[in-house]
Amino acid sequence: MNLKSIQEYDRKSAQRLINFKLPNYWKKIGWFGFAILFLGLLSTKFFEGDLEILKEILKKASLAFLFIVVLSREKIEDERIQNMRSQSFSFTFLAAVLYTILQPLVNYLALAIFKPEKAEVVDLGDFVILWFMLVVYLMFFYVLKKRG
């Protein structure tokens, strides 16, 4: 195996990964699963007891179902849709970086003004960042779809 064939194999593998999409019917499965898990997560507010493990499982599973929605094809998957996906991913990445940098500072300033004794810089957790990215992507993608 020479260097050129290895590079070609790597390029094809990367292209397959980039172009991977689930069939369109997975979008319905993703939304249904997300809705059920989100309602379950909301319902934990009404129960007493140590539900932290259940909450974490529901959070991670809801992220997984949102990710399924993101990875699902549209009914008509053409170059225009691919362009919209690309724009949505780019915007989401930029928004997530800004959000991750600025939100802890905004939280700190708000606490410093209203509750100075509790003022400290707290990083956002993985769930918050991933939730933000998935929701912003879906919102931006659907806005672009409605316009185009």
N, C-alpha and C. Protein backbone atom coordinates (compact mmCIF):
# COMPACT_ATOMS: atom_id res chain seq x y z
N MET A 1 0.85 -1.18 0.00
CA MET A 1 0.00 0.00 0.00
C MET A 1 0.89 1.24 0.00
N ASN A 2 0.68 2.09 -0.95
CA ASN A 2 1.51 3.28 -1.02
C ASN A 2 0.81 4.46 -0.35
N LEU A 3 1.54 5.56 -0.24
CA LEU A 3 1.03 6.73 0.46
C LEU A 3 -0.20 7.31 -0.23
N LYS A 4 -0.23 7.28 -1.54
CA LYS A 4 -1.36 7.84 -2.29
C LYS A 4 -2.65 7.06 -2.02
N SER A 5 -2.56 5.74 -1.97
CA SER A 5 -3.76 4.93 -1.71
C SER A 5 -4.24 5.11 -0.26
N ILE A 6 -3.33 5.30 0.67
CA ILE A 6 -3.71 5.55 2.06
C ILE A 6 -4.43 6.89 2.17
N GLN A 7 -3.91 7.91 1.49
CA GLN A 7 -4.55 9.22 1.50
C GLN A 7 -5.94 9.16 0.87
N GLU A 8 -6.06 8.43 -0.21
CA GLU A 8 -7.36 8.29 -0.89
C GLU A 8 -8.37 7.58 0.02
N TYR A 9 -7.92 6.53 0.71
CA TYR A 9 -8.79 5.82 1.64
C TYR A 9 -9.24 6.75 2.77
N ASP A 10 -8.31 7.53 3.32
CA ASP A 10 -8.65 8.47 4.39
C ASP A 10 -9.64 9.53 3.91
N ARG A 11 -9.43 10.02 2.69
CA ARG A 11 -10.33 11.03 2.15
C ARG A 11 -11.73 10.47 1.96
N LYS A 12 -11.83 9.26 1.43
CA LYS A 12 -13.14 8.63 1.23
C LYS A 12 -13.82 8.35 2.57
N SER A 13 -13.05 7.91 3.55
CA SER A 13 -13.63 7.64 4.88
C SER A 13 -14.15 8.92 5.51
N ALA A 14 -13.38 9.99 5.40
CA ALA A 14 -13.82 11.27 5.95
C ALA A 14 -15.06 11.78 5.23
N GLN A 15 -15.10 11.62 3.93
CA GLN A 15 -16.25 12.07 3.15
C GLN A 15 -17.51 11.28 3.52
N ARG A 16 -17.36 9.98 3.73
CA ARG A 16 -18.51 9.15 4.16
C ARG A 16 -19.02 9.61 5.51
N LEU A 17 -18.12 9.95 6.42
CA LEU A 17 -18.52 10.40 7.75
C LEU A 17 -19.21 11.76 7.67
N ILE A 18 -18.68 12.66 6.85
CA ILE A 18 -19.27 13.99 6.69
C ILE A 18 -20.66 13.90 6.09
N ASN A 19 -20.85 13.01 5.14
CA ASN A 19 -22.13 12.89 4.43
C ASN A 19 -23.12 11.95 5.12
N PHE A 20 -22.78 11.41 6.27
CA PHE A 20 -23.66 10.45 6.95
C PHE A 20 -24.96 11.14 7.38
N LYS A 21 -26.06 10.56 7.01
CA LYS A 21 -27.38 11.04 7.43
C LYS A 21 -28.27 9.83 7.67
N LEU A 22 -29.08 9.91 8.71
CA LEU A 22 -30.07 8.88 8.98
C LEU A 22 -31.26 9.08 8.04
N PRO A 23 -32.03 8.03 7.78
CA PRO A 23 -33.24 8.20 6.96
C PRO A 23 -34.21 9.19 7.59
N ASN A 24 -35.08 9.77 6.78
CA ASN A 24 -35.99 10.81 7.23
C ASN A 24 -36.90 10.38 8.37
N TYR A 25 -37.33 9.11 8.39
CA TYR A 25 -38.27 8.68 9.44
C TYR A 25 -37.63 8.74 10.83
N TRP A 26 -36.30 8.78 10.91
CA TRP A 26 -35.64 8.92 12.21
C TRP A 26 -35.91 10.27 12.85
N LYS A 27 -36.23 11.26 12.03
CA LYS A 27 -36.54 12.59 12.56
C LYS A 27 -37.77 12.51 13.48
N LYS A 28 -38.79 11.77 13.04
CA LYS A 28 -39.99 11.61 13.87
C LYS A 28 -39.67 10.85 15.16
N ILE A 29 -38.85 9.82 15.05
CA ILE A 29 -38.43 9.05 16.23
C ILE A 29 -37.68 9.96 17.19
N GLY A 30 -36.79 10.78 16.65
CA GLY A 30 -36.00 11.69 17.49
C GLY A 30 -36.87 12.69 18.22
N TRP A 31 -37.82 13.32 17.48
CA TRP A 31 -38.70 14.30 18.13
C TRP A 31 -39.60 13.65 19.17
N PHE A 32 -40.12 12.46 18.86
CA PHE A 32 -40.99 11.76 19.80
C PHE A 32 -40.21 11.40 21.07
N GLY A 33 -39.03 10.81 20.90
CA GLY A 33 -38.21 10.44 22.05
C GLY A 33 -37.81 11.65 22.88
N PHE A 34 -37.45 12.74 22.19
CA PHE A 34 -37.09 13.95 22.91
C PHE A 34 -38.26 14.49 23.71
N ALA A 35 -39.46 14.52 23.11
CA ALA A 35 -40.64 15.04 23.81
C ALA A 35 -40.94 14.22 25.06
N ILE A 36 -40.89 12.91 24.95
CA ILE A 36 -41.17 12.04 26.09
C ILE A 36 -40.14 12.27 27.21
N LEU A 37 -38.88 12.30 26.83
CA LEU A 37 -37.82 12.48 27.83
C LEU A 37 -37.86 13.87 28.44
N PHE A 38 -38.18 14.88 27.63
CA PHE A 38 -38.27 16.24 28.16
C PHE A 38 -39.41 16.36 29.16
N LEU A 39 -40.54 15.75 28.84
CA LEU A 39 -41.66 15.74 29.80
C LEU A 39 -41.28 14.98 31.07
N GLY A 40 -40.55 13.89 30.92
CA GLY A 40 -40.07 13.15 32.09
C GLY A 40 -39.13 13.99 32.92
N LEU A 41 -38.27 14.75 32.28
CA LEU A 41 -37.35 15.62 33.00
C LEU A 41 -38.10 16.72 33.73
N LEU A 42 -39.11 17.29 33.08
CA LEU A 42 -39.93 18.31 33.75
C LEU A 42 -40.70 17.72 34.92
N SER A 43 -41.17 16.49 34.78
CA SER A 43 -41.96 15.88 35.85
C SER A 43 -41.12 15.58 37.09
N THR A 44 -39.80 15.48 36.96
CA THR A 44 -38.97 15.23 38.15
C THR A 44 -39.00 16.40 39.12
N LYS A 45 -39.43 17.57 38.65
CA LYS A 45 -39.55 18.74 39.54
C LYS A 45 -40.66 18.55 40.57
N PHE A 46 -41.63 17.67 40.27
CA PHE A 46 -42.78 17.50 41.14
C PHE A 46 -42.62 16.34 42.12
N PHE A 47 -41.53 15.58 42.00
CA PHE A 47 -41.30 14.45 42.89
C PHE A 47 -40.18 14.77 43.86
N GLU A 48 -40.30 14.23 45.05
CA GLU A 48 -39.25 14.42 46.04
C GLU A 48 -38.37 13.20 46.09
N GLY A 49 -37.18 13.40 46.58
CA GLY A 49 -36.24 12.30 46.68
C GLY A 49 -34.97 12.59 45.90
N ASP A 50 -34.07 11.64 45.95
CA ASP A 50 -32.80 11.79 45.26
C ASP A 50 -32.95 11.28 43.83
N LEU A 51 -33.22 12.21 42.93
CA LEU A 51 -33.47 11.85 41.53
C LEU A 51 -32.34 12.32 40.61
N GLU A 52 -31.18 12.60 41.17
CA GLU A 52 -30.09 13.14 40.36
C GLU A 52 -29.64 12.19 39.26
N ILE A 53 -29.55 10.91 39.57
CA ILE A 53 -29.13 9.94 38.55
C ILE A 53 -30.17 9.87 37.43
N LEU A 54 -31.44 9.84 37.80
CA LEU A 54 -32.51 9.81 36.80
C LEU A 54 -32.47 11.07 35.94
N LYS A 55 -32.27 12.23 36.57
CA LYS A 55 -32.19 13.49 35.82
C LYS A 55 -31.04 13.47 34.83
N GLU A 56 -29.89 12.98 35.25
CA GLU A 56 -28.73 12.92 34.35
C GLU A 56 -28.99 11.98 33.17
N ILE A 57 -29.61 10.84 33.44
CA ILE A 57 -29.94 9.91 32.37
C ILE A 57 -30.92 10.55 31.39
N LEU A 58 -31.95 11.22 31.91
CA LEU A 58 -32.94 11.87 31.04
C LEU A 58 -32.30 12.99 30.23
N LYS A 59 -31.39 13.75 30.84
CA LYS A 59 -30.71 14.82 30.12
C LYS A 59 -29.87 14.26 28.96
N LYS A 60 -29.05 13.27 29.26
CA LYS A 60 -28.18 12.70 28.22
C LYS A 60 -29.00 12.04 27.11
N ALA A 61 -30.06 11.35 27.48
CA ALA A 61 -30.90 10.69 26.47
C ALA A 61 -31.62 11.73 25.61
N SER A 62 -32.07 12.84 26.22
CA SER A 62 -32.74 13.87 25.43
C SER A 62 -31.75 14.51 24.44
N LEU A 63 -30.49 14.68 24.84
CA LEU A 63 -29.48 15.17 23.91
C LEU A 63 -29.28 14.19 22.76
N ALA A 64 -29.28 12.91 23.08
CA ALA A 64 -29.10 11.89 22.05
C ALA A 64 -30.24 11.93 21.04
N PHE A 65 -31.48 12.10 21.51
CA PHE A 65 -32.61 12.17 20.60
C PHE A 65 -32.59 13.45 19.76
N LEU A 66 -32.15 14.57 20.35
CA LEU A 66 -32.00 15.79 19.55
C LEU A 66 -30.92 15.59 18.49
N PHE A 67 -29.86 14.88 18.83
CA PHE A 67 -28.79 14.61 17.87
C PHE A 67 -29.30 13.74 16.72
N ILE A 68 -30.21 12.82 17.03
CA ILE A 68 -30.83 12.00 15.98
C ILE A 68 -31.60 12.90 15.01
N VAL A 69 -32.31 13.89 15.56
CA VAL A 69 -33.05 14.83 14.70
C VAL A 69 -32.08 15.58 13.79
N VAL A 70 -30.96 16.04 14.36
CA VAL A 70 -29.97 16.78 13.58
C VAL A 70 -29.39 15.92 12.46
N LEU A 71 -29.16 14.64 12.73
CA LEU A 71 -28.54 13.75 11.75
C LEU A 71 -29.52 13.19 10.73
N SER A 72 -30.80 13.43 10.89
CA SER A 72 -31.79 12.87 9.96
C SER A 72 -31.90 13.68 8.69
N ARG A 73 -32.10 12.97 7.59
CA ARG A 73 -32.26 13.60 6.29
C ARG A 73 -33.58 14.36 6.22
N GLU A 74 -33.62 15.31 5.32
CA GLU A 74 -34.88 15.95 4.96
C GLU A 74 -35.56 15.07 3.92
N LYS A 75 -36.84 15.31 3.64
CA LYS A 75 -37.52 14.51 2.62
C LYS A 75 -36.83 14.69 1.27
N ILE A 76 -36.44 15.92 0.98
CA ILE A 76 -35.68 16.19 -0.24
C ILE A 76 -34.32 16.73 0.21
N GLU A 77 -33.31 15.93 0.08
CA GLU A 77 -31.96 16.30 0.51
C GLU A 77 -31.15 16.68 -0.74
N ASP A 78 -31.10 17.98 -1.02
CA ASP A 78 -30.37 18.44 -2.20
C ASP A 78 -29.23 19.37 -1.78
N GLU A 79 -28.60 20.01 -2.76
CA GLU A 79 -27.46 20.88 -2.48
C GLU A 79 -27.87 22.10 -1.68
N ARG A 80 -29.09 22.58 -1.88
CA ARG A 80 -29.58 23.74 -1.12
C ARG A 80 -29.68 23.39 0.36
N ILE A 81 -30.20 22.21 0.66
CA ILE A 81 -30.32 21.77 2.05
C ILE A 81 -28.93 21.58 2.65
N GLN A 82 -28.01 21.01 1.88
CA GLN A 82 -26.64 20.83 2.38
C GLN A 82 -26.00 22.18 2.68
N ASN A 83 -26.26 23.17 1.84
CA ASN A 83 -25.74 24.51 2.08
C ASN A 83 -26.33 25.11 3.35
N MET A 84 -27.63 24.91 3.55
CA MET A 84 -28.29 25.40 4.77
C MET A 84 -27.72 24.71 6.01
N ARG A 85 -27.47 23.41 5.91
CA ARG A 85 -26.87 22.68 7.03
C ARG A 85 -25.49 23.26 7.35
N SER A 86 -24.71 23.50 6.31
CA SER A 86 -23.38 24.05 6.49
C SER A 86 -23.43 25.42 7.16
N GLN A 87 -24.32 26.28 6.69
CA GLN A 87 -24.48 27.61 7.30
C GLN A 87 -24.93 27.49 8.75
N SER A 88 -25.85 26.57 9.00
CA SER A 88 -26.36 26.39 10.36
C SER A 88 -25.27 25.89 11.31
N PHE A 89 -24.47 24.93 10.84
CA PHE A 89 -23.38 24.44 11.68
C PHE A 89 -22.35 25.53 11.94
N SER A 90 -22.03 26.33 10.94
CA SER A 90 -21.07 27.42 11.12
C SER A 90 -21.58 28.44 12.12
N PHE A 91 -22.82 28.86 11.94
CA PHE A 91 -23.41 29.83 12.87
C PHE A 91 -23.47 29.26 14.28
N THR A 92 -23.86 28.00 14.40
CA THR A 92 -23.97 27.37 15.71
C THR A 92 -22.62 27.31 16.41
N PHE A 93 -21.58 26.96 15.67
CA PHE A 93 -20.26 26.90 16.27
C PHE A 93 -19.84 28.27 16.81
N LEU A 94 -20.01 29.30 15.99
CA LEU A 94 -19.63 30.65 16.43
C LEU A 94 -20.47 31.10 17.64
N ALA A 95 -21.76 30.85 17.58
CA ALA A 95 -22.64 31.24 18.70
C ALA A 95 -22.28 30.48 19.97
N ALA A 96 -21.95 29.19 19.84
CA ALA A 96 -21.60 28.39 21.02
C ALA A 96 -20.29 28.85 21.65
N VAL A 97 -19.32 29.21 20.83
CA VAL A 97 -18.06 29.71 21.37
C VAL A 97 -18.30 31.02 22.14
N LEU A 98 -19.03 31.94 21.52
CA LEU A 98 -19.33 33.21 22.21
C LEU A 98 -20.13 32.97 23.48
N TYR A 99 -21.12 32.10 23.40
CA TYR A 99 -21.95 31.79 24.57
C TYR A 99 -21.12 31.20 25.70
N THR A 100 -20.23 30.27 25.36
CA THR A 100 -19.41 29.61 26.36
C THR A 100 -18.44 30.58 27.02
N ILE A 101 -17.97 31.55 26.27
CA ILE A 101 -17.04 32.54 26.83
C ILE A 101 -17.78 33.61 27.63
N LEU A 102 -18.87 34.12 27.09
CA LEU A 102 -19.54 35.27 27.70
C LEU A 102 -20.52 34.93 28.82
N GLN A 103 -21.21 33.81 28.74
CA GLN A 103 -22.25 33.52 29.72
C GLN A 103 -21.73 33.44 31.16
N PRO A 104 -20.59 32.78 31.43
CA PRO A 104 -20.09 32.80 32.81
C PRO A 104 -19.78 34.21 33.32
N LEU A 105 -19.31 35.09 32.44
CA LEU A 105 -19.04 36.47 32.84
C LEU A 105 -20.33 37.23 33.13
N VAL A 106 -21.34 37.01 32.30
CA VAL A 106 -22.63 37.65 32.53
C VAL A 106 -23.24 37.17 33.84
N ASN A 107 -23.16 35.87 34.08
CA ASN A 107 -23.67 35.32 35.35
C ASN A 107 -22.94 35.92 36.54
N TYR A 108 -21.62 36.04 36.43
CA TYR A 108 -20.83 36.60 37.51
C TYR A 108 -21.22 38.06 37.78
N LEU A 109 -21.34 38.85 36.72
CA LEU A 109 -21.71 40.26 36.90
C LEU A 109 -23.10 40.40 37.51
N ALA A 110 -24.04 39.58 37.07
CA ALA A 110 -25.39 39.64 37.63
C ALA A 110 -25.37 39.28 39.12
N LEU A 111 -24.63 38.24 39.47
CA LEU A 111 -24.54 37.87 40.89
C LEU A 111 -23.80 38.94 41.68
N ALA A 112 -22.77 39.55 41.11
CA ALA A 112 -22.01 40.59 41.81
C ALA A 112 -22.89 41.80 42.10
N ILE A 113 -23.83 42.08 41.23
CA ILE A 113 -24.72 43.23 41.43
C ILE A 113 -25.83 42.89 42.42
N PHE A 114 -26.47 41.73 42.26
CA PHE A 114 -27.66 41.43 43.04
C PHE A 114 -27.39 40.59 44.29
N LYS A 115 -26.40 39.73 44.26
CA LYS A 115 -26.05 38.89 45.42
C LYS A 115 -24.53 38.80 45.51
N PRO A 116 -23.88 39.87 45.98
CA PRO A 116 -22.40 39.90 45.98
C PRO A 116 -21.76 38.77 46.78
N GLU A 117 -22.45 38.27 47.78
CA GLU A 117 -21.87 37.19 48.59
C GLU A 117 -21.78 35.86 47.83
N LYS A 118 -22.56 35.72 46.78
CA LYS A 118 -22.56 34.48 46.00
C LYS A 118 -21.82 34.63 44.66
N ALA A 119 -21.19 35.76 44.43
CA ALA A 119 -20.56 36.03 43.14
C ALA A 119 -19.31 35.17 42.94
N GLU A 120 -19.35 34.32 41.93
CA GLU A 120 -18.20 33.54 41.53
C GLU A 120 -18.39 33.13 40.06
N VAL A 121 -17.28 32.92 39.39
CA VAL A 121 -17.33 32.50 37.99
C VAL A 121 -17.52 30.99 37.96
N VAL A 122 -18.60 30.54 37.34
CA VAL A 122 -18.90 29.11 37.24
C VAL A 122 -18.98 28.75 35.76
N ASP A 123 -18.21 27.74 35.38
CA ASP A 123 -18.25 27.28 33.99
C ASP A 123 -19.58 26.62 33.68
N LEU A 124 -19.96 26.72 32.43
CA LEU A 124 -21.16 26.03 31.96
C LEU A 124 -20.83 24.54 31.87
N GLY A 125 -21.79 23.71 32.14
CA GLY A 125 -21.57 22.27 32.04
C GLY A 125 -21.69 21.78 30.61
N ASP A 126 -21.31 20.54 30.41
CA ASP A 126 -21.39 19.96 29.07
C ASP A 126 -22.82 19.90 28.56
N PHE A 127 -23.76 19.61 29.46
CA PHE A 127 -25.16 19.53 29.04
C PHE A 127 -25.65 20.87 28.50
N VAL A 128 -25.33 21.95 29.19
CA VAL A 128 -25.80 23.28 28.78
C VAL A 128 -25.22 23.65 27.42
N ILE A 129 -23.94 23.39 27.22
CA ILE A 129 -23.30 23.75 25.95
C ILE A 129 -23.87 22.91 24.81
N LEU A 130 -23.99 21.60 25.02
CA LEU A 130 -24.53 20.75 23.95
C LEU A 130 -26.00 21.06 23.67
N TRP A 131 -26.76 21.30 24.72
CA TRP A 131 -28.17 21.68 24.56
C TRP A 131 -28.25 22.95 23.72
N PHE A 132 -27.45 23.94 24.07
CA PHE A 132 -27.43 25.20 23.35
C PHE A 132 -27.09 24.98 21.88
N MET A 133 -26.06 24.19 21.61
CA MET A 133 -25.63 23.96 20.23
C MET A 133 -26.71 23.26 19.41
N LEU A 134 -27.31 22.22 19.96
CA LEU A 134 -28.33 21.48 19.22
C LEU A 134 -29.57 22.33 18.96
N VAL A 135 -30.00 23.07 19.97
CA VAL A 135 -31.20 23.90 19.81
C VAL A 135 -30.95 25.05 18.84
N VAL A 136 -29.79 25.71 18.95
CA VAL A 136 -29.48 26.80 18.03
C VAL A 136 -29.38 26.28 16.61
N TYR A 137 -28.73 25.13 16.42
CA TYR A 137 -28.64 24.56 15.08
C TYR A 137 -30.04 24.30 14.50
N LEU A 138 -30.89 23.63 15.27
CA LEU A 138 -32.23 23.30 14.77
C LEU A 138 -33.04 24.56 14.47
N MET A 139 -32.97 25.55 15.36
CA MET A 139 -33.72 26.78 15.12
C MET A 139 -33.21 27.50 13.87
N PHE A 140 -31.89 27.64 13.75
CA PHE A 140 -31.33 28.34 12.60
C PHE A 140 -31.60 27.59 11.30
N PHE A 141 -31.48 26.27 11.33
CA PHE A 141 -31.74 25.47 10.14
C PHE A 141 -33.19 25.60 9.69
N TYR A 142 -34.14 25.55 10.62
CA TYR A 142 -35.54 25.66 10.24
C TYR A 142 -35.90 27.07 9.77
N VAL A 143 -35.23 28.08 10.33
CA VAL A 143 -35.45 29.46 9.85
C VAL A 143 -34.95 29.57 8.41
N LEU A 144 -33.77 29.02 8.14
CA LEU A 144 -33.24 29.06 6.78
C LEU A 144 -34.14 28.27 5.81
N LYS A 145 -34.68 27.14 6.27
CA LYS A 145 -35.56 26.34 5.42
C LYS A 145 -36.85 27.11 5.08
N LYS A 146 -37.40 27.82 6.05
CA LYS A 146 -38.64 28.57 5.82
C LYS A 146 -38.41 29.72 4.83
N ARG A 147 -37.24 30.35 4.92
CA ARG A 147 -36.94 31.47 4.02
C ARG A 147 -36.66 31.00 2.60
N GLY A 148 -36.00 29.83 2.50
CA GLY A 148 -35.54 29.41 1.18
C GLY A 148 -36.48 28.51 0.51
